[in-house]
Protein backbone atom coordinates (compact mmCIF):
# COMPACT_ATOMS: atom_id res chain seq x y z
CA UNK A 1 -71.62 55.85 98.80
CA UNK A 2 -69.70 58.85 100.06
CA UNK A 3 -67.76 56.48 102.44
CA UNK A 4 -66.45 54.35 99.42
CA UNK A 5 -65.44 57.39 97.46
CA UNK A 6 -63.46 58.75 100.47
CA UNK A 7 -61.62 55.44 100.83
CA UNK A 8 -60.77 55.41 97.14
CA UNK A 9 -59.52 58.97 97.26
CA UNK A 10 -57.35 58.26 100.24
CA UNK A 11 -55.81 55.18 98.44
CA UNK A 12 -54.70 57.32 95.48
CA UNK A 13 -53.40 60.22 97.59
CA UNK A 14 -51.07 58.00 99.84
CA UNK A 15 -47.46 58.17 98.55
CA UNK A 16 -46.15 54.80 97.32
CA UNK A 17 -43.81 53.03 99.74
CA UNK A 18 -40.40 51.65 98.51
CA UNK A 19 -40.50 48.02 97.97
CA UNK A 20 -38.18 46.30 100.33
CA UNK A 21 -35.99 43.43 99.16
CA UNK A 22 -37.14 40.10 99.91
CA UNK A 23 -35.44 38.16 102.57
CA UNK A 24 -32.49 35.99 101.36
CA UNK A 25 -32.82 32.41 101.42
CA UNK A 26 -30.78 30.40 103.87
CA UNK A 27 -27.23 29.65 102.68
CA UNK A 28 -26.59 26.21 101.22
CA UNK A 29 -23.62 24.17 101.98
CA UNK A 30 -22.58 23.97 98.33
CA UNK A 31 -22.58 27.64 97.29
CA UNK A 32 -22.29 30.88 99.38
CA UNK A 33 -25.46 33.07 99.64
CA UNK A 34 -25.56 36.04 97.20
CA UNK A 35 -27.00 39.43 98.25
CA UNK A 36 -30.14 40.05 96.16
CA UNK A 37 -30.18 43.22 94.11
CA UNK A 38 -32.27 46.05 95.54
CA UNK A 39 -35.13 47.30 93.41
CA UNK A 40 -35.38 51.06 92.82
CA UNK A 41 -38.83 52.53 93.50
CA UNK A 42 -40.30 54.36 90.49
CA UNK A 43 -41.89 56.92 92.89
CA UNK A 44 -40.13 59.48 95.10
CA UNK A 45 -41.27 59.93 98.63
CA UNK A 46 -41.47 63.54 99.65
CA UNK A 47 -38.79 64.35 102.12
CA UNK A 48 -36.92 61.08 101.77
CA UNK A 49 -33.65 62.76 100.50
CA UNK A 50 -33.63 64.88 103.67
CA UNK A 51 -34.19 61.85 105.86
CA UNK A 52 -31.39 59.93 104.13
CA UNK A 53 -28.94 62.80 104.40
CA UNK A 54 -29.83 63.34 108.15
CA UNK A 55 -29.32 59.75 108.81
CA UNK A 56 -25.90 59.57 107.18
CA UNK A 57 -24.77 62.78 108.79
CA UNK A 58 -25.97 61.49 112.12
CA UNK A 59 -23.85 58.33 111.70
CA UNK A 60 -20.80 60.29 110.47
CA UNK A 61 -21.08 62.73 113.49
CA UNK A 62 -20.42 59.77 115.84
CA UNK A 63 -17.31 58.81 113.96
CA UNK A 64 -14.28 61.26 114.50
CA UNK A 65 -12.83 60.23 111.10
CA UNK A 66 -15.90 61.38 109.22
CA UNK A 67 -16.53 64.71 110.89
CA UNK A 68 -15.34 66.69 107.90
CA UNK A 69 -17.52 64.75 105.36
CA UNK A 70 -20.21 66.65 103.58
CA UNK A 71 -23.17 64.56 102.48
CA UNK A 72 -25.58 65.53 99.64
CA UNK A 73 -28.67 63.51 98.56
CA UNK A 74 -30.63 63.97 95.43
CA UNK A 75 -33.34 61.38 94.29
CA UNK A 76 -31.58 58.68 96.40
CA UNK A 77 -28.19 59.36 95.02
CA UNK A 78 -25.73 60.21 97.89
CA UNK A 79 -22.69 62.39 97.15
CA UNK A 80 -19.82 62.28 99.70
CA UNK A 81 -17.29 65.08 99.61
CA UNK A 82 -14.62 66.40 102.04
CA UNK A 83 -11.49 64.84 103.51
CA UNK A 84 -10.72 61.78 105.67
CA UNK A 85 -7.58 60.78 107.54
CA UNK A 86 -6.63 57.80 105.43
CA UNK A 87 -7.43 55.80 102.37
CA UNK A 88 -9.31 53.05 104.36
CA UNK A 89 -11.67 55.64 105.59
CA UNK A 90 -12.76 56.53 101.93
CA UNK A 91 -13.96 53.02 101.29
CA UNK A 92 -15.51 52.71 104.77
CA UNK A 93 -17.58 55.96 104.35
CA UNK A 94 -18.93 54.66 101.04
CA UNK A 95 -19.89 51.39 102.62
CA UNK A 96 -21.70 53.00 105.49
CA UNK A 97 -23.65 55.33 103.18
CA UNK A 98 -24.71 52.53 100.88
CA UNK A 99 -26.31 50.53 103.70
CA UNK A 100 -28.84 53.30 104.48
CA UNK A 101 -32.33 52.41 103.38
CA UNK A 102 -33.47 54.32 100.30
CA UNK A 103 -30.02 54.95 98.90
CA UNK A 104 -29.84 54.22 95.16
CA UNK A 105 -26.13 54.66 94.71
CA UNK A 106 -23.20 56.54 96.21
CA UNK A 107 -20.82 59.11 94.48
CA UNK A 108 -17.61 58.98 96.56
CA UNK A 109 -15.59 62.22 96.10
CA UNK A 110 -13.74 61.91 99.37
CA UNK A 111 -10.00 62.65 99.57
CA UNK A 112 -7.29 61.84 102.06
CA UNK A 113 -6.27 64.74 104.11
CA UNK A 114 -2.43 64.90 103.89
CA UNK A 115 -1.99 68.02 106.06
CA UNK A 116 0.13 67.84 109.21
CA UNK A 117 -2.74 68.98 111.45
CA UNK A 118 -4.89 66.04 110.25
CA UNK A 119 -2.26 63.55 111.44
CA UNK A 120 -3.04 64.31 115.04
CA UNK A 121 -4.77 60.89 115.33
CA UNK A 122 -1.51 59.15 114.16
CA UNK A 123 0.40 61.02 116.70
CA UNK A 124 -2.16 60.06 119.31
CA UNK A 125 -1.95 56.45 118.35
CA UNK A 126 1.83 56.66 118.63
CA UNK A 127 1.39 58.05 122.08
CA UNK A 128 -0.96 55.18 123.01
CA UNK A 129 1.54 52.73 121.77
CA UNK A 130 4.19 54.32 123.99
CA UNK A 131 1.83 54.28 127.00
CA UNK A 132 1.18 50.56 126.23
CA UNK A 133 4.99 49.92 126.07
CA UNK A 134 5.58 51.66 129.45
CA UNK A 135 2.81 49.60 130.92
CA UNK A 136 4.36 46.37 129.57
CA UNK A 137 7.71 47.16 130.96
CA UNK A 138 7.44 44.94 134.07
CA UNK A 139 6.28 42.05 131.82
CA UNK A 140 9.21 42.68 129.42
CA UNK A 141 11.59 42.71 132.34
CA UNK A 142 10.13 39.35 133.53
CA UNK A 143 10.47 37.87 130.09
CA UNK A 144 14.15 39.06 129.95
CA UNK A 145 14.81 37.50 133.33
CA UNK A 146 13.25 34.18 132.15
CA UNK A 147 15.49 34.25 128.99
CA UNK A 148 18.54 35.05 130.96
CA UNK A 149 17.74 32.17 133.37
CA UNK A 150 17.19 29.63 130.64
CA UNK A 151 20.45 30.72 128.92
CA UNK A 152 22.35 30.52 132.15
CA UNK A 153 21.05 26.97 132.64
CA UNK A 154 22.34 26.08 129.20
CA UNK A 155 25.74 27.66 129.94
CA UNK A 156 26.01 25.69 133.09
CA UNK A 157 25.24 22.42 131.44
CA UNK A 158 27.60 23.16 128.62
CA UNK A 159 30.29 24.01 131.19
CA UNK A 160 30.37 20.38 132.34
CA UNK A 161 33.57 19.86 130.26
CA UNK A 162 34.59 16.61 132.02
CA UNK A 163 31.27 15.00 131.21
CA UNK A 164 31.37 15.92 127.50
CA UNK A 165 35.00 14.92 127.14
CA UNK A 166 34.08 11.61 128.70
CA UNK A 167 31.11 11.13 126.33
CA UNK A 168 32.84 12.47 123.11
CA UNK A 169 35.73 10.67 121.49
CA UNK A 170 37.85 13.78 121.32
CA UNK A 171 38.00 17.33 122.69
CA UNK A 172 36.92 18.89 119.36
CA UNK A 173 33.65 17.02 119.37
CA UNK A 174 33.11 17.73 123.06
CA UNK A 175 33.40 21.49 122.41
CA UNK A 176 30.99 21.11 119.44
CA UNK A 177 28.39 19.51 121.81
CA UNK A 178 28.83 22.21 124.42
CA UNK A 179 28.48 24.93 121.77
CA UNK A 180 25.26 23.17 120.44
CA UNK A 181 23.82 22.97 124.00
CA UNK A 182 24.41 26.70 124.59
CA UNK A 183 22.74 27.62 121.24
CA UNK A 184 19.73 25.47 121.86
CA UNK A 185 19.09 26.98 125.36
CA UNK A 186 19.66 30.57 124.24
CA UNK A 187 17.31 30.17 121.25
CA UNK A 188 14.74 28.34 123.45
CA UNK A 189 14.86 31.09 126.10
CA UNK A 190 14.21 33.71 123.41
CA UNK A 191 11.17 31.73 122.22
CA UNK A 192 9.73 31.55 125.62
CA UNK A 193 10.39 35.23 126.36
CA UNK A 194 8.75 36.45 123.12
CA UNK A 195 5.73 34.14 123.71
CA UNK A 196 5.25 35.80 127.27
CA UNK A 197 4.99 39.30 125.82
CA UNK A 198 2.88 38.06 122.90
CA UNK A 199 5.43 38.64 120.16
CA UNK A 200 5.43 35.19 118.63
CA UNK A 201 4.78 36.68 115.19
CA UNK A 202 7.88 38.79 115.64
CA UNK A 203 9.78 35.61 116.41
CA UNK A 204 8.63 33.98 113.19
CA UNK A 205 9.68 36.95 111.19
CA UNK A 206 13.08 36.94 112.83
CA UNK A 207 13.71 33.18 112.39
CA UNK A 208 12.51 33.52 108.75
CA UNK A 209 15.01 36.29 108.15
CA UNK A 210 17.69 34.34 109.95
CA UNK A 211 17.04 31.30 107.75
CA UNK A 212 17.56 33.37 104.63
CA UNK A 213 20.62 34.95 106.02
CA UNK A 214 21.93 31.54 107.12
CA UNK A 215 21.33 30.19 103.56
CA UNK A 216 23.25 33.10 102.01
CA UNK A 217 26.05 32.69 104.50
CA UNK A 218 26.15 29.02 103.82
CA UNK A 219 26.86 29.57 100.06
CA UNK A 220 29.36 32.44 100.92
CA UNK A 221 31.25 30.30 103.53
CA UNK A 222 31.01 27.06 101.86
CA UNK A 223 34.77 26.36 101.85
CA UNK A 224 34.91 27.37 105.55
CA UNK A 225 32.06 25.03 106.47
CA UNK A 226 33.68 22.21 104.41
CA UNK A 227 36.95 22.67 106.18
CA UNK A 228 35.21 22.61 109.58
CA UNK A 229 33.43 19.36 108.78
CA UNK A 230 36.63 17.88 107.42
CA UNK A 231 38.36 18.78 110.70
CA UNK A 232 35.63 16.93 112.66
CA UNK A 233 35.87 13.90 110.54
CA UNK A 234 39.75 13.81 110.70
CA UNK A 235 39.51 14.08 114.50
CA UNK A 236 37.26 11.09 114.57
CA UNK A 237 39.22 9.03 112.08
CA UNK A 238 42.71 9.76 113.29
CA UNK A 239 44.55 8.99 110.05
CA UNK A 240 48.04 9.67 111.52
CA UNK A 241 49.97 10.42 114.67
CA UNK A 242 52.19 13.17 115.70
CA UNK A 243 55.68 12.81 114.12
CA UNK A 244 54.46 10.42 111.49
CA UNK A 245 56.26 10.66 108.18
CA UNK A 246 53.41 11.16 105.62
CA UNK A 247 52.86 12.01 101.99
CA UNK A 248 49.60 13.97 101.56
CA UNK A 249 48.95 14.24 97.82
CA UNK A 250 52.34 15.51 96.70
CA UNK A 251 53.19 17.21 99.99
CA UNK A 252 55.61 15.31 102.26
CA UNK A 253 56.69 15.84 105.82
CA UNK A 254 56.40 14.92 109.43
CA UNK A 255 53.09 15.66 111.32
CA UNK A 256 53.31 18.35 113.99
CA UNK A 257 49.65 18.60 114.90
CA UNK A 258 46.11 18.47 113.63
CA UNK A 259 44.06 21.69 114.36
CA UNK A 260 40.44 22.65 113.80
CA UNK A 261 41.50 24.40 110.55
CA UNK A 262 44.66 22.84 109.12
CA UNK A 263 47.15 19.92 109.32
CA UNK A 264 50.56 21.27 110.13
CA UNK A 265 53.69 19.38 108.87
CA UNK A 266 57.37 19.94 108.99
CA UNK A 267 58.97 19.19 105.67
CA UNK A 268 62.18 17.15 105.44
CA UNK A 269 64.19 20.28 104.95
CA UNK A 270 62.78 21.85 108.19
CA UNK A 271 60.06 24.18 106.84
CA UNK A 272 56.57 24.44 108.23
CA UNK A 273 53.70 23.39 105.94
CA UNK A 274 50.11 24.13 106.69
CA UNK A 275 47.53 22.15 104.74
CA UNK A 276 43.75 22.92 104.93
CA UNK A 277 41.89 20.00 106.45
CA UNK A 278 39.37 19.94 103.56
CA UNK A 279 42.41 19.17 101.27
CA UNK A 280 43.83 16.59 103.61
CA UNK A 281 40.41 14.78 103.99
CA UNK A 282 40.09 14.32 100.22
CA UNK A 283 43.75 13.60 99.44
CA UNK A 284 45.53 10.25 99.15
CA UNK A 285 47.66 9.88 102.23
CA UNK A 286 50.79 7.65 102.53
CA UNK A 287 52.00 7.01 106.01
CA UNK A 288 55.57 5.87 105.89
CA UNK A 289 55.85 5.43 109.60
CA UNK A 290 52.85 3.16 110.16
CA UNK A 291 54.69 0.08 108.92
CA UNK A 292 58.35 -0.13 110.16
CA UNK A 293 59.29 -2.25 107.19
CA UNK A 294 59.94 -0.32 104.06
CA UNK A 295 61.30 -1.26 100.66
CA UNK A 296 63.73 0.76 98.64
CA UNK A 297 64.64 0.14 94.97
CA UNK A 298 67.09 1.30 92.31
CA UNK A 299 67.98 0.41 88.64
CA UNK A 300 71.32 -0.50 87.12
CA UNK A 301 71.93 -1.41 83.39
CA UNK A 302 74.43 -4.02 82.32
CA UNK A 303 75.95 -4.29 78.89
CA UNK A 304 73.60 -6.04 76.38
CA UNK A 305 76.34 -8.61 75.52
CA UNK A 306 76.63 -9.65 79.25
CA UNK A 307 74.57 -12.28 80.94
CA UNK A 308 71.78 -10.38 82.54
CA UNK A 309 70.70 -13.30 84.66
CA UNK A 310 74.13 -13.74 86.23
CA UNK A 311 74.17 -10.03 86.94
CA UNK A 312 70.72 -10.26 88.55
CA UNK A 313 71.85 -13.18 90.77
CA UNK A 314 75.03 -11.45 91.74
CA UNK A 315 73.36 -8.22 92.69
CA UNK A 316 70.75 -10.13 94.83
CA UNK A 317 73.57 -11.90 96.74
CA UNK A 318 75.23 -8.56 97.41
CA UNK A 319 71.99 -7.13 98.87
CA UNK A 320 71.61 -10.29 101.08
CA UNK A 321 75.08 -9.80 102.35
CA UNK A 322 74.40 -6.30 103.66
CA UNK A 323 73.67 -6.26 107.41
CA UNK A 324 70.90 -3.69 107.25
CA UNK A 325 68.83 -5.53 104.62
CA UNK A 326 66.09 -7.77 106.12
CA UNK A 327 66.22 -11.45 105.25
CA UNK A 328 62.41 -11.52 105.25
CA UNK A 329 61.06 -10.29 102.85
CA UNK A 330 64.05 -11.30 101.02
CA UNK A 331 65.81 -8.89 98.45
CA UNK A 332 64.85 -9.10 94.82
CA UNK A 333 66.30 -8.32 91.48
CA UNK A 334 64.14 -8.10 88.38
CA UNK A 335 65.01 -7.55 84.70
CA UNK A 336 62.55 -4.86 83.71
CA UNK A 337 63.50 -3.85 80.14
CA UNK A 338 66.10 -3.86 77.37
CA UNK A 339 67.40 -0.38 76.69
CA UNK A 340 69.27 1.03 73.68
CA UNK A 341 72.66 -0.33 74.83
CA UNK A 342 72.04 -2.21 78.08
CA UNK A 343 69.65 -4.44 79.97
CA UNK A 344 68.00 -2.69 82.91
CA UNK A 345 67.83 -4.58 86.20
CA UNK A 346 65.84 -3.39 89.22
CA UNK A 347 67.14 -4.23 92.68
CA UNK A 348 64.84 -4.25 95.69
CA UNK A 349 65.59 -4.49 99.44
CA UNK A 350 63.71 -4.27 102.63
CA UNK A 351 64.79 -2.42 105.80
CA UNK A 352 63.52 -1.89 109.32
CA UNK A 353 62.97 1.88 109.75
CA UNK A 354 63.26 1.75 113.51
CA UNK A 355 67.04 0.70 113.06
CA UNK A 356 67.86 1.86 109.56
CA UNK A 357 67.53 5.09 107.74
CA UNK A 358 65.72 4.59 104.44
CA UNK A 359 67.93 7.17 102.49
CA UNK A 360 71.17 5.88 104.02
CA UNK A 361 70.27 2.18 103.22
CA UNK A 362 69.60 3.05 99.62
CA UNK A 363 72.86 5.17 99.36
CA UNK A 364 74.81 2.24 100.76
CA UNK A 365 73.22 -0.52 98.59
CA UNK A 366 73.69 1.21 95.23
CA UNK A 367 77.43 1.50 95.17
CA UNK A 368 77.79 -1.96 96.84
CA UNK A 369 75.87 -3.62 93.95
CA UNK A 370 77.61 -1.38 91.32
CA UNK A 371 81.10 -2.19 92.54
CA UNK A 372 80.34 -5.96 92.69
CA UNK A 373 79.10 -6.02 89.06
CA UNK A 374 82.04 -4.08 87.83
CA UNK A 375 84.60 -6.22 89.73
CA UNK A 376 82.92 -9.30 88.17
CA UNK A 377 83.53 -7.95 84.71
CA UNK A 378 80.03 -6.71 83.93
CA UNK A 379 79.93 -3.51 81.90
CA UNK A 380 77.69 -0.72 82.90
CA UNK A 381 77.65 1.29 79.67
CA UNK A 382 76.36 4.73 79.31
CA UNK A 383 73.82 5.31 76.48
CA UNK A 384 75.56 4.85 73.08
CA UNK A 385 74.33 6.64 69.93
CA UNK A 386 75.27 5.92 66.34
CA UNK A 387 75.73 8.89 64.12
CA UNK A 388 75.17 8.72 60.41
CA UNK A 389 76.48 11.51 58.02
CA UNK A 390 74.89 12.29 54.67
CA UNK A 391 77.59 11.70 51.95
CA UNK A 392 76.36 14.94 50.31
CA UNK A 393 77.49 16.99 53.41
CA UNK A 394 80.92 18.84 53.40
CA UNK A 395 84.03 16.94 54.15
CA UNK A 396 85.04 17.31 57.82
CA UNK A 397 88.61 16.97 59.07
CA UNK A 398 87.88 13.56 60.87
CA UNK A 399 91.52 12.84 61.02
CA UNK A 400 92.34 15.83 63.21
CA UNK A 401 89.29 15.32 65.33
CA UNK A 402 90.21 11.62 65.88
CA UNK A 403 93.69 12.54 66.93
CA UNK A 404 92.39 15.07 69.46
CA UNK A 405 89.90 12.57 70.76
CA UNK A 406 92.60 9.94 71.26
CA UNK A 407 94.75 12.38 73.15
CA UNK A 408 91.86 13.21 75.58
CA UNK A 409 91.13 9.50 76.16
CA UNK A 410 94.77 8.86 76.93
CA UNK A 411 94.91 11.77 79.29
CA UNK A 412 91.65 10.57 81.05
CA UNK A 413 93.05 7.13 81.45
CA UNK A 414 96.28 8.37 83.00
CA UNK A 415 94.28 10.23 85.59
CA UNK A 416 93.31 7.96 88.60
CA UNK A 417 90.37 8.44 90.91
CA UNK A 418 91.30 9.95 94.26
CA UNK A 419 91.61 7.32 97.04
CA UNK A 420 89.05 8.23 99.76
CA UNK A 421 88.90 6.23 103.03
CA UNK A 422 85.45 5.25 104.05
CA UNK A 423 85.01 5.49 107.79
CA UNK A 424 82.46 3.79 110.12
CA UNK A 425 80.49 7.03 110.22
CA UNK A 426 80.09 6.85 106.48
CA UNK A 427 78.85 3.27 106.81
CA UNK A 428 76.39 4.20 109.58
CA UNK A 429 72.83 3.61 108.45
CA UNK A 430 71.00 4.30 111.72
CA UNK A 431 67.91 6.47 111.37
CA UNK A 432 68.51 10.31 111.29
CA UNK A 433 66.44 12.00 113.97
CA UNK A 434 66.99 15.69 113.24
CA UNK A 435 63.51 16.23 111.94
CA UNK A 436 61.95 14.03 114.62
CA UNK A 437 63.76 16.11 117.29
CA UNK A 438 62.60 19.38 115.67
CA UNK A 439 58.95 18.20 115.60
CA UNK A 440 59.16 17.20 119.35
CA UNK A 441 60.69 20.54 120.24
CA UNK A 442 58.00 22.34 118.32
CA UNK A 443 55.22 20.45 120.18
CA UNK A 444 56.93 21.19 123.52
CA UNK A 445 57.27 24.84 122.79
CA UNK A 446 53.48 25.15 121.93
CA UNK A 447 52.46 23.17 124.94
CA UNK A 448 49.76 25.76 125.65
CA UNK A 449 48.15 24.89 122.34
CA UNK A 450 48.11 21.11 123.04
CA UNK A 451 44.46 21.28 123.93
CA UNK A 452 43.79 22.35 120.40
CA UNK A 453 45.61 19.35 118.91
CA UNK A 454 43.01 16.96 117.61
CA UNK A 455 45.42 13.93 117.53
CA UNK A 456 44.52 11.64 120.29
CA UNK A 457 47.03 8.97 121.08
CA UNK A 458 44.58 7.13 123.18
CA UNK A 459 42.26 6.30 120.09
CA UNK A 460 43.36 3.92 117.47
CA UNK A 461 44.57 5.12 114.05
CA UNK A 462 42.29 4.57 111.12
């Protein structure tokens, strides 16, 4: 009986043990496991607060960042106070204290130490990084040597100018291919070098930043890029040759050269004209030199009472009789409109520009047709206007005015046109070569820049 009473007394005198949390069930594939909530024991074990505080202080003593942390425990509630080097250490200390068995909750009063003396660890880390950099210097030197070697190979391949000029249709495209090869090898060597020193992440950041910068520069230099692409397309298409007489939009002249930025013309009055290639590429281009046969035209008006069809026939026969007018295509004369006091006839004739100047031919044909019509009795009247006066207006001295007009007409009739002798030089209609010679002289004087001329006479014109 005494044995049973002793056992019962021992059972009531033993302090209650904290109930440990049950083991978590294995995680399922559908949902992640959740940590079970820890139950708080209703009884307090004598000396448990001291054991918890000692355990936490022992752990913190082994960690340099928590050596200034003070730990207080009361009824399982842990209070942390003091300073730590950084903000991450605050959360880390709380997590460590909460994992100790018997801890109910943690009151975290830790603060970051912002004093200069406390930053010794940061300075030590900086010193460690410097030591690591010094240790990596041989590897960095090897990576730089590899980069330089790959870039050198790219420059050597790009330097095979004869090969690229043989492959590319013109020198401009050959230089573009060489520049692209150099760029690819330089960037590829940089990728290999950064991968050797383990800085691939840095390469990604650099390339990402370069992409954004390139996008911004693309918008800022849109006109420049458009002009560069237009130069490439014009060099491939070859729309004209040097010394061609062209009309680009409303700009006229003879072509001196096509560069990577602009098309240079010499106007018919001897001035240099530089047109951006982006404007040339989008403009309507008329090449007067491409076809040696060219037509000129002019209009003459005969009196409305005259036979316009007879005047048309006579003018066509006069054009056919001029030596510089081509028989094929045959000259034409067209009645185009009836004016206020005349019938307008348009005369057209073809010439060979290799033998006849276009302006001279037109200047010779107009007076020839005009004189033939006048000699045949056709009138070439000026515009006639009929004036009507309101009878309510004041009386004007028409008699005096009419007498003055008759006197002027008689005086004009008494005057005769001066007799001017027309020489063979005046009748010469051969092409004028002043501008052509000036263009050739310009190209000879800038012979050092001929390599920059994108006009290639070996390629067909578009």
